[in-house]
C-alpha cells in the first residue's frame, strides 16, 4: 500500500493532533519533525520540544507511539 505524501506543515499538524489525543498529553505545546535521509521505509522522525503541562516522559512515549503508527501511512514530501 502506497503512503500518502504530506508537506512538513501538514505532517506537523497531523502528528501534534494525534499526540494531543494520547492520555495525559492534551497540553503538549510543540513538536519537531525531522527529515531522515539514507534510510529505507521512513523519511521522518519526531520529538517533543515542549510538553506543556504534560509529563515530559509521558509526552515522549506518546510521540514514539504516534510516530510508529503514522509512519505506516505517511511520508514527508521532498522539497
PDB file of N, CA and C in Angstrom:
ATOM      1  N   UNK A   1       0.838  -1.179   0.000  1.00  0.00           N
ATOM      2  CA  UNK A   1       0.000   0.000   0.000  1.00  0.00           C
ATOM      3  C   UNK A   1       0.889   1.250   0.000  1.00  0.00           C
ATOM      4  N   UNK A   2       0.598   2.169  -0.894  1.00  0.00           N
ATOM      5  CA  UNK A   2       1.387   3.396  -1.004  1.00  0.00           C
ATOM      6  C   UNK A   2       1.084   4.338   0.152  1.00  0.00           C
ATOM      7  N   UNK A   3       2.118   5.035   0.585  1.00  0.00           N
ATOM      8  CA  UNK A   3       1.953   6.014   1.655  1.00  0.00           C
ATOM      9  C   UNK A   3       1.491   7.340   1.071  1.00  0.00           C
ATOM     10  N   UNK A   4       0.768   8.098   1.871  1.00  0.00           N
ATOM     11  CA  UNK A   4       0.339   9.435   1.491  1.00  0.00           C
ATOM     12  C   UNK A   4       1.480  10.403   1.763  1.00  0.00           C
ATOM     13  N   UNK A   5       1.773  11.259   0.799  1.00  0.00           N
ATOM     14  CA  UNK A   5       2.809  12.272   0.978  1.00  0.00           C
ATOM     15  C   UNK A   5       2.199  13.526   1.576  1.00  0.00           C
ATOM     16  N   UNK A   6       2.835  14.046   2.618  1.00  0.00           N
ATOM     17  CA  UNK A   6       2.370  15.262   3.275  1.00  0.00           C
ATOM     18  C   UNK A   6       3.502  16.289   3.311  1.00  0.00           C
ATOM     19  N   UNK A   7       3.132  17.550   3.236  1.00  0.00           N
ATOM     20  CA  UNK A   7       4.115  18.615   3.410  1.00  0.00           C
ATOM     21  C   UNK A   7       4.519  18.652   4.880  1.00  0.00           C
ATOM     22  N   UNK A   8       5.619  19.320   5.163  1.00  0.00           N
ATOM     23  CA  UNK A   8       6.092  19.443   6.549  1.00  0.00           C
ATOM     24  C   UNK A   8       5.008  20.053   7.450  1.00  0.00           C
ATOM     25  N   UNK A   9       4.372  21.176   7.074  1.00  0.00           N
ATOM     26  CA  UNK A   9       3.338  21.753   7.951  1.00  0.00           C
ATOM     27  C   UNK A   9       2.133  20.826   8.149  1.00  0.00           C
ATOM     28  N   UNK A  10       1.717  20.128   7.087  1.00  0.00           N
ATOM     29  CA  UNK A  10       0.573  19.215   7.217  1.00  0.00           C
ATOM     30  C   UNK A  10       0.904  18.029   8.114  1.00  0.00           C
ATOM     31  N   UNK A  11       2.096  17.476   7.944  1.00  0.00           N
ATOM     32  CA  UNK A  11       2.507  16.359   8.790  1.00  0.00           C
ATOM     33  C   UNK A  11       2.618  16.811  10.241  1.00  0.00           C
ATOM     34  N   UNK A  12       3.179  17.978  10.448  1.00  0.00           N
ATOM     35  CA  UNK A  12       3.329  18.515  11.806  1.00  0.00           C
ATOM     36  C   UNK A  12       1.969  18.672  12.482  1.00  0.00           C
ATOM     37  N   UNK A  13       0.998  19.246  11.776  1.00  0.00           N
ATOM     38  CA  UNK A  13      -0.348  19.419  12.341  1.00  0.00           C
ATOM     39  C   UNK A  13      -0.984  18.083  12.682  1.00  0.00           C
ATOM     40  N   UNK A  14      -0.861  17.117  11.777  1.00  0.00           N
ATOM     41  CA  UNK A  14      -1.463  15.804  11.999  1.00  0.00           C
ATOM     42  C   UNK A  14      -0.820  15.103  13.194  1.00  0.00           C
ATOM     43  N   UNK A  15       0.505  15.142  13.264  1.00  0.00           N
ATOM     44  CA  UNK A  15       1.223  14.488  14.368  1.00  0.00           C
ATOM     45  C   UNK A  15       0.872  15.144  15.703  1.00  0.00           C
ATOM     46  N   UNK A  16       0.880  16.465  15.759  1.00  0.00           N
ATOM     47  CA  UNK A  16       0.573  17.158  17.005  1.00  0.00           C
ATOM     48  C   UNK A  16      -0.854  16.851  17.462  1.00  0.00           C
ATOM     49  N   UNK A  17      -1.783  16.815  16.534  1.00  0.00           N
ATOM     50  CA  UNK A  17      -3.168  16.475  16.884  1.00  0.00           C
ATOM     51  C   UNK A  17      -3.254  15.063  17.453  1.00  0.00           C
ATOM     52  N   UNK A  18      -2.526  14.132  16.867  1.00  0.00           N
ATOM     53  CA  UNK A  18      -2.540  12.747  17.361  1.00  0.00           C
ATOM     54  C   UNK A  18      -1.894  12.635  18.736  1.00  0.00           C
ATOM     55  N   UNK A  19      -0.793  13.321  18.951  1.00  0.00           N
ATOM     56  CA  UNK A  19      -0.142  13.279  20.268  1.00  0.00           C
ATOM     57  C   UNK A  19      -1.079  13.835  21.328  1.00  0.00           C
ATOM     58  N   UNK A  20      -1.766  14.912  21.012  1.00  0.00           N
ATOM     59  CA  UNK A  20      -2.680  15.530  21.982  1.00  0.00           C
ATOM     60  C   UNK A  20      -3.870  14.639  22.321  1.00  0.00           C
ATOM     61  N   UNK A  21      -4.140  13.636  21.523  1.00  0.00           N
ATOM     62  CA  UNK A  21      -5.219  12.697  21.814  1.00  0.00           C
ATOM     63  C   UNK A  21      -4.775  11.565  22.736  1.00  0.00           C
ATOM     64  N   UNK A  22      -3.484  11.452  22.964  1.00  0.00           N
ATOM     65  CA  UNK A  22      -2.970  10.398  23.835  1.00  0.00           C
ATOM     66  C   UNK A  22      -3.218  10.767  25.299  1.00  0.00           C
ATOM     67  N   UNK A  23      -3.366   9.765  26.164  1.00  0.00           N
ATOM     68  CA  UNK A  23      -3.641  10.039  27.586  1.00  0.00           C
ATOM     69  C   UNK A  23      -2.609  10.976  28.211  1.00  0.00           C
ATOM     70  N   UNK A  24      -3.088  11.973  28.923  1.00  0.00           N
ATOM     71  CA  UNK A  24      -2.266  12.942  29.664  1.00  0.00           C
ATOM     72  C   UNK A  24      -1.374  13.801  28.769  1.00  0.00           C
ATOM     73  N   UNK A  25      -1.709  13.923  27.489  1.00  0.00           N
ATOM     74  CA  UNK A  25      -0.870  14.698  26.560  1.00  0.00           C
ATOM     75  C   UNK A  25      -1.643  15.807  25.853  1.00  0.00           C
ATOM     76  N   UNK A  26      -2.805  16.152  26.334  1.00  0.00           N
ATOM     77  CA  UNK A  26      -3.623  17.149  25.641  1.00  0.00           C
ATOM     78  C   UNK A  26      -3.006  18.541  25.668  1.00  0.00           C
ATOM     79  N   UNK A  27      -2.026  18.772  26.527  1.00  0.00           N
ATOM     80  CA  UNK A  27      -1.388  20.084  26.630  1.00  0.00           C
ATOM     81  C   UNK A  27      -0.030  20.171  25.944  1.00  0.00           C
ATOM     82  N   UNK A  28       0.368  19.146  25.201  1.00  0.00           N
ATOM     83  CA  UNK A  28       1.657  19.212  24.515  1.00  0.00           C
ATOM     84  C   UNK A  28       1.645  20.440  23.610  1.00  0.00           C
ATOM     85  N   UNK A  29       2.681  21.270  23.739  1.00  0.00           N
ATOM     86  CA  UNK A  29       2.717  22.557  23.058  1.00  0.00           C
ATOM     87  C   UNK A  29       3.444  22.543  21.721  1.00  0.00           C
ATOM     88  N   UNK A  30       4.559  21.824  21.629  1.00  0.00           N
ATOM     89  CA  UNK A  30       5.356  21.919  20.406  1.00  0.00           C
ATOM     90  C   UNK A  30       6.108  20.624  20.141  1.00  0.00           C
ATOM     91  N   UNK A  31       6.231  20.305  18.861  1.00  0.00           N
ATOM     92  CA  UNK A  31       6.988  19.134  18.413  1.00  0.00           C
ATOM     93  C   UNK A  31       7.910  19.562  17.282  1.00  0.00           C
ATOM     94  N   UNK A  32       8.840  18.697  16.953  1.00  0.00           N
ATOM     95  CA  UNK A  32       9.700  18.906  15.787  1.00  0.00           C
ATOM     96  C   UNK A  32       9.610  17.678  14.903  1.00  0.00           C
ATOM     97  N   UNK A  33       9.438  17.910  13.615  1.00  0.00           N
ATOM     98  CA  UNK A  33       9.504  16.844  12.624  1.00  0.00           C
ATOM     99  C   UNK A  33      10.877  16.964  11.973  1.00  0.00           C
ATOM    100  N   UNK A  34      11.613  15.878  11.962  1.00  0.00           N
ATOM    101  CA  UNK A  34      12.968  15.863  11.402  1.00  0.00           C
ATOM    102  C   UNK A  34      12.983  15.022  10.138  1.00  0.00           C
ATOM    103  N   UNK A  35      13.546  15.576   9.081  1.00  0.00           N
ATOM    104  CA  UNK A  35      13.689  14.825   7.836  1.00  0.00           C
ATOM    105  C   UNK A  35      14.817  13.811   8.024  1.00  0.00           C
ATOM    106  N   UNK A  36      14.564  12.570   7.630  1.00  0.00           N
ATOM    107  CA  UNK A  36      15.547  11.499   7.737  1.00  0.00           C
ATOM    108  C   UNK A  36      15.943  11.084   6.330  1.00  0.00           C
ATOM    109  N   UNK A  37      17.238  11.046   6.071  1.00  0.00           N
ATOM    110  CA  UNK A  37      17.718  10.624   4.759  1.00  0.00           C
ATOM    111  C   UNK A  37      18.599   9.396   4.917  1.00  0.00           C
ATOM    112  N   UNK A  38      18.698   8.636   3.848  1.00  0.00           N
ATOM    113  CA  UNK A  38      19.587   7.486   3.851  1.00  0.00           C
ATOM    114  C   UNK A  38      19.003   6.230   4.477  1.00  0.00           C
ATOM    115  N   UNK A  39      17.738   6.270   4.844  1.00  0.00           N
ATOM    116  CA  UNK A  39      17.093   5.085   5.418  1.00  0.00           C
ATOM    117  C   UNK A  39      15.938   4.681   4.517  1.00  0.00           C
ATOM    118  N   UNK A  40      15.712   3.415   4.419  1.00  0.00           N
ATOM    119  CA  UNK A  40      14.583   2.959   3.620  1.00  0.00           C
ATOM    120  C   UNK A  40      13.367   2.781   4.518  1.00  0.00           C
ATOM    121  N   UNK A  41      12.222   3.106   3.981  1.00  0.00           N
ATOM    122  CA  UNK A  41      10.981   2.894   4.720  1.00  0.00           C
ATOM    123  C   UNK A  41      10.442   4.096   5.446  1.00  0.00           C
ATOM    124  N   UNK A  42      11.294   4.899   6.036  1.00  0.00           N
ATOM    125  CA  UNK A  42      10.836   6.068   6.797  1.00  0.00           C
ATOM    126  C   UNK A  42      11.697   7.265   6.438  1.00  0.00           C
ATOM    127  N   UNK A  43      11.037   8.410   6.191  1.00  0.00           N
ATOM    128  CA  UNK A  43      11.833   9.589   5.862  1.00  0.00           C
ATOM    129  C   UNK A  43      11.604  10.733   6.837  1.00  0.00           C
ATOM    130  N   UNK A  44      11.033  10.421   8.025  1.00  0.00           N
ATOM    131  CA  UNK A  44      10.856  11.455   9.045  1.00  0.00           C
ATOM    132  C   UNK A  44      10.858  10.819  10.435  1.00  0.00           C
ATOM    133  N   UNK A  45      11.174  11.661  11.397  1.00  0.00           N
ATOM    134  CA  UNK A  45      11.084  11.268  12.802  1.00  0.00           C
ATOM    135  C   UNK A  45      10.566  12.485  13.558  1.00  0.00           C
ATOM    136  N   UNK A  46      10.233  12.301  14.809  1.00  0.00           N
ATOM    137  CA  UNK A  46       9.707  13.433  15.566  1.00  0.00           C
ATOM    138  C   UNK A  46      10.190  13.393  16.998  1.00  0.00           C
ATOM    139  N   UNK A  47      10.114  14.546  17.641  1.00  0.00           N
ATOM    140  CA  UNK A  47      10.403  14.652  19.061  1.00  0.00           C
ATOM    141  C   UNK A  47       9.550  15.774  19.643  1.00  0.00           C
ATOM    142  N   UNK A  48       9.321  15.691  20.936  1.00  0.00           N
ATOM    143  CA  UNK A  48       8.553  16.710  21.641  1.00  0.00           C
ATOM    144  C   UNK A  48       9.520  17.790  22.103  1.00  0.00           C
ATOM    145  N   UNK A  49       9.245  19.027  21.708  1.00  0.00           N
ATOM    146  CA  UNK A  49      10.080  20.154  22.131  1.00  0.00           C
ATOM    147  C   UNK A  49       9.566  20.783  23.417  1.00  0.00           C
ATOM    148  N   UNK A  50       8.246  20.882  23.536  1.00  0.00           N
ATOM    149  CA  UNK A  50       7.644  21.496  24.711  1.00  0.00           C
ATOM    150  C   UNK A  50       6.427  20.680  25.134  1.00  0.00           C
ATOM    151  N   UNK A  51       6.536  19.946  26.253  1.00  0.00           N
ATOM    152  CA  UNK A  51       5.423  19.109  26.677  1.00  0.00           C
ATOM    153  C   UNK A  51       4.283  19.888  27.339  1.00  0.00           C
ATOM    154  N   UNK A  52       4.453  21.193  27.528  1.00  0.00           N
ATOM    155  CA  UNK A  52       3.408  21.957  28.211  1.00  0.00           C
ATOM    156  C   UNK A  52       3.223  21.439  29.622  1.00  0.00           C
ATOM    157  N   UNK A  53       1.983  21.203  30.010  1.00  0.00           N
ATOM    158  CA  UNK A  53       1.692  20.696  31.347  1.00  0.00           C
ATOM    159  C   UNK A  53       1.847  19.180  31.441  1.00  0.00           C
ATOM    160  N   UNK A  54       2.068  18.527  30.309  1.00  0.00           N
ATOM    161  CA  UNK A  54       2.235  17.066  30.310  1.00  0.00           C
ATOM    162  C   UNK A  54       3.602  16.690  30.878  1.00  0.00           C
ATOM    163  N   UNK A  55       3.665  15.526  31.486  1.00  0.00           N
ATOM    164  CA  UNK A  55       4.932  14.981  31.941  1.00  0.00           C
ATOM    165  C   UNK A  55       5.811  14.724  30.713  1.00  0.00           C
ATOM    166  N   UNK A  56       7.060  15.130  30.763  1.00  0.00           N
ATOM    167  CA  UNK A  56       7.952  15.013  29.607  1.00  0.00           C
ATOM    168  C   UNK A  56       8.124  13.567  29.155  1.00  0.00           C
ATOM    169  N   UNK A  57       8.249  12.637  30.089  1.00  0.00           N
ATOM    170  CA  UNK A  57       8.414  11.230  29.721  1.00  0.00           C
ATOM    171  C   UNK A  57       7.149  10.667  29.087  1.00  0.00           C
ATOM    172  N   UNK A  58       5.999  11.053  29.603  1.00  0.00           N
ATOM    173  CA  UNK A  58       4.727  10.610  29.028  1.00  0.00           C
ATOM    174  C   UNK A  58       4.582  11.141  27.614  1.00  0.00           C
ATOM    175  N   UNK A  59       4.922  12.410  27.414  1.00  0.00           N
ATOM    176  CA  UNK A  59       4.844  13.013  26.086  1.00  0.00           C
ATOM    177  C   UNK A  59       5.818  12.340  25.116  1.00  0.00           C
ATOM    178  N   UNK A  60       6.996  12.009  25.579  1.00  0.00           N
ATOM    179  CA  UNK A  60       7.982  11.343  24.723  1.00  0.00           C
ATOM    180  C   UNK A  60       7.499   9.949  24.318  1.00  0.00           C
ATOM    181  N   UNK A  61       6.910   9.217  25.256  1.00  0.00           N
ATOM    182  CA  UNK A  61       6.374   7.892  24.929  1.00  0.00           C
ATOM    183  C   UNK A  61       5.218   8.007  23.938  1.00  0.00           C
ATOM    184  N   UNK A  62       4.363   8.992  24.126  1.00  0.00           N
ATOM    185  CA  UNK A  62       3.252   9.218  23.204  1.00  0.00           C
ATOM    186  C   UNK A  62       3.786   9.540  21.812  1.00  0.00           C
ATOM    187  N   UNK A  63       4.837  10.339  21.732  1.00  0.00           N
ATOM    188  CA  UNK A  63       5.433  10.692  20.448  1.00  0.00           C
ATOM    189  C   UNK A  63       5.984   9.452  19.738  1.00  0.00           C
ATOM    190  N   UNK A  64       6.636   8.580  20.469  1.00  0.00           N
ATOM    191  CA  UNK A  64       7.150   7.348  19.864  1.00  0.00           C
ATOM    192  C   UNK A  64       6.022   6.478  19.337  1.00  0.00           C
ATOM    193  N   UNK A  65       4.951   6.389  20.096  1.00  0.00           N
ATOM    194  CA  UNK A  65       3.798   5.599  19.656  1.00  0.00           C
ATOM    195  C   UNK A  65       3.182   6.206  18.399  1.00  0.00           C
ATOM    196  N   UNK A  66       2.910   7.504  18.431  1.00  0.00           N
ATOM    197  CA  UNK A  66       2.294   8.182  17.286  1.00  0.00           C
ATOM    198  C   UNK A  66       3.198   8.083  16.063  1.00  0.00           C
ATOM    199  N   UNK A  67       4.489   8.245  16.258  1.00  0.00           N
ATOM    200  CA  UNK A  67       5.440   8.109  15.151  1.00  0.00           C
ATOM    201  C   UNK A  67       5.324   6.734  14.518  1.00  0.00           C
ATOM    202  N   UNK A  68       5.298   5.683  15.319  1.00  0.00           N
ATOM    203  CA  UNK A  68       5.238   4.328  14.769  1.00  0.00           C
ATOM    204  C   UNK A  68       3.935   4.085  14.008  1.00  0.00           C
ATOM    205  N   UNK A  69       2.835   4.641  14.487  1.00  0.00           N
ATOM    206  CA  UNK A  69       1.545   4.463  13.818  1.00  0.00           C
ATOM    207  C   UNK A  69       1.479   5.270  12.521  1.00  0.00           C
ATOM    208  N   UNK A  70       1.845   6.538  12.583  1.00  0.00           N
ATOM    209  CA  UNK A  70       1.692   7.410  11.412  1.00  0.00           C
ATOM    210  C   UNK A  70       2.724   7.135  10.324  1.00  0.00           C
ATOM    211  N   UNK A  71       3.876   6.598  10.686  1.00  0.00           N
ATOM    212  CA  UNK A  71       4.873   6.261   9.670  1.00  0.00           C
ATOM    213  C   UNK A  71       4.352   5.188   8.707  1.00  0.00           C
ATOM    214  N   UNK A  72       3.403   4.382   9.160  1.00  0.00           N
ATOM    215  CA  UNK A  72       2.838   3.345   8.282  1.00  0.00           C
ATOM    216  C   UNK A  72       2.078   3.963   7.110  1.00  0.00           C
ATOM    217  N   UNK A  73       1.499   5.139   7.325  1.00  0.00           N
ATOM    218  CA  UNK A  73       0.615   5.732   6.328  1.00  0.00           C
ATOM    219  C   UNK A  73       1.148   6.992   5.652  1.00  0.00           C
ATOM    220  N   UNK A  74       2.126   7.676   6.280  1.00  0.00           N
ATOM    221  CA  UNK A  74       2.540   8.979   5.764  1.00  0.00           C
ATOM    222  C   UNK A  74       4.049   9.072   5.587  1.00  0.00           C
ATOM    223  N   UNK A  75       4.418   9.696   4.478  1.00  0.00           N
ATOM    224  CA  UNK A  75       5.800  10.075   4.218  1.00  0.00           C
ATOM    225  C   UNK A  75       5.854  11.585   4.047  1.00  0.00           C
ATOM    226  N   UNK A  76       7.007  12.118   4.286  1.00  0.00           N
ATOM    227  CA  UNK A  76       7.230  13.556   4.143  1.00  0.00           C
ATOM    228  C   UNK A  76       7.578  13.843   2.685  1.00  0.00           C
ATOM    229  N   UNK A  77       6.918  14.867   2.124  1.00  0.00           N
ATOM    230  CA  UNK A  77       7.223  15.285   0.745  1.00  0.00           C
ATOM    231  C   UNK A  77       8.672  15.742   0.667  1.00  0.00           C
ATOM    232  N   UNK A  78       9.284  15.500  -0.487  1.00  0.00           N
ATOM    233  CA  UNK A  78      10.619  16.042  -0.704  1.00  0.00           C
ATOM    234  C   UNK A  78      10.481  17.483  -1.183  1.00  0.00           C
ATOM    235  N   UNK A  79      11.509  18.265  -0.943  1.00  0.00           N
ATOM    236  CA  UNK A  79      11.466  19.683  -1.346  1.00  0.00           C
ATOM    237  C   UNK A  79      11.488  19.874  -2.828  1.00  0.00           C
TER     238      UNK A  79
END
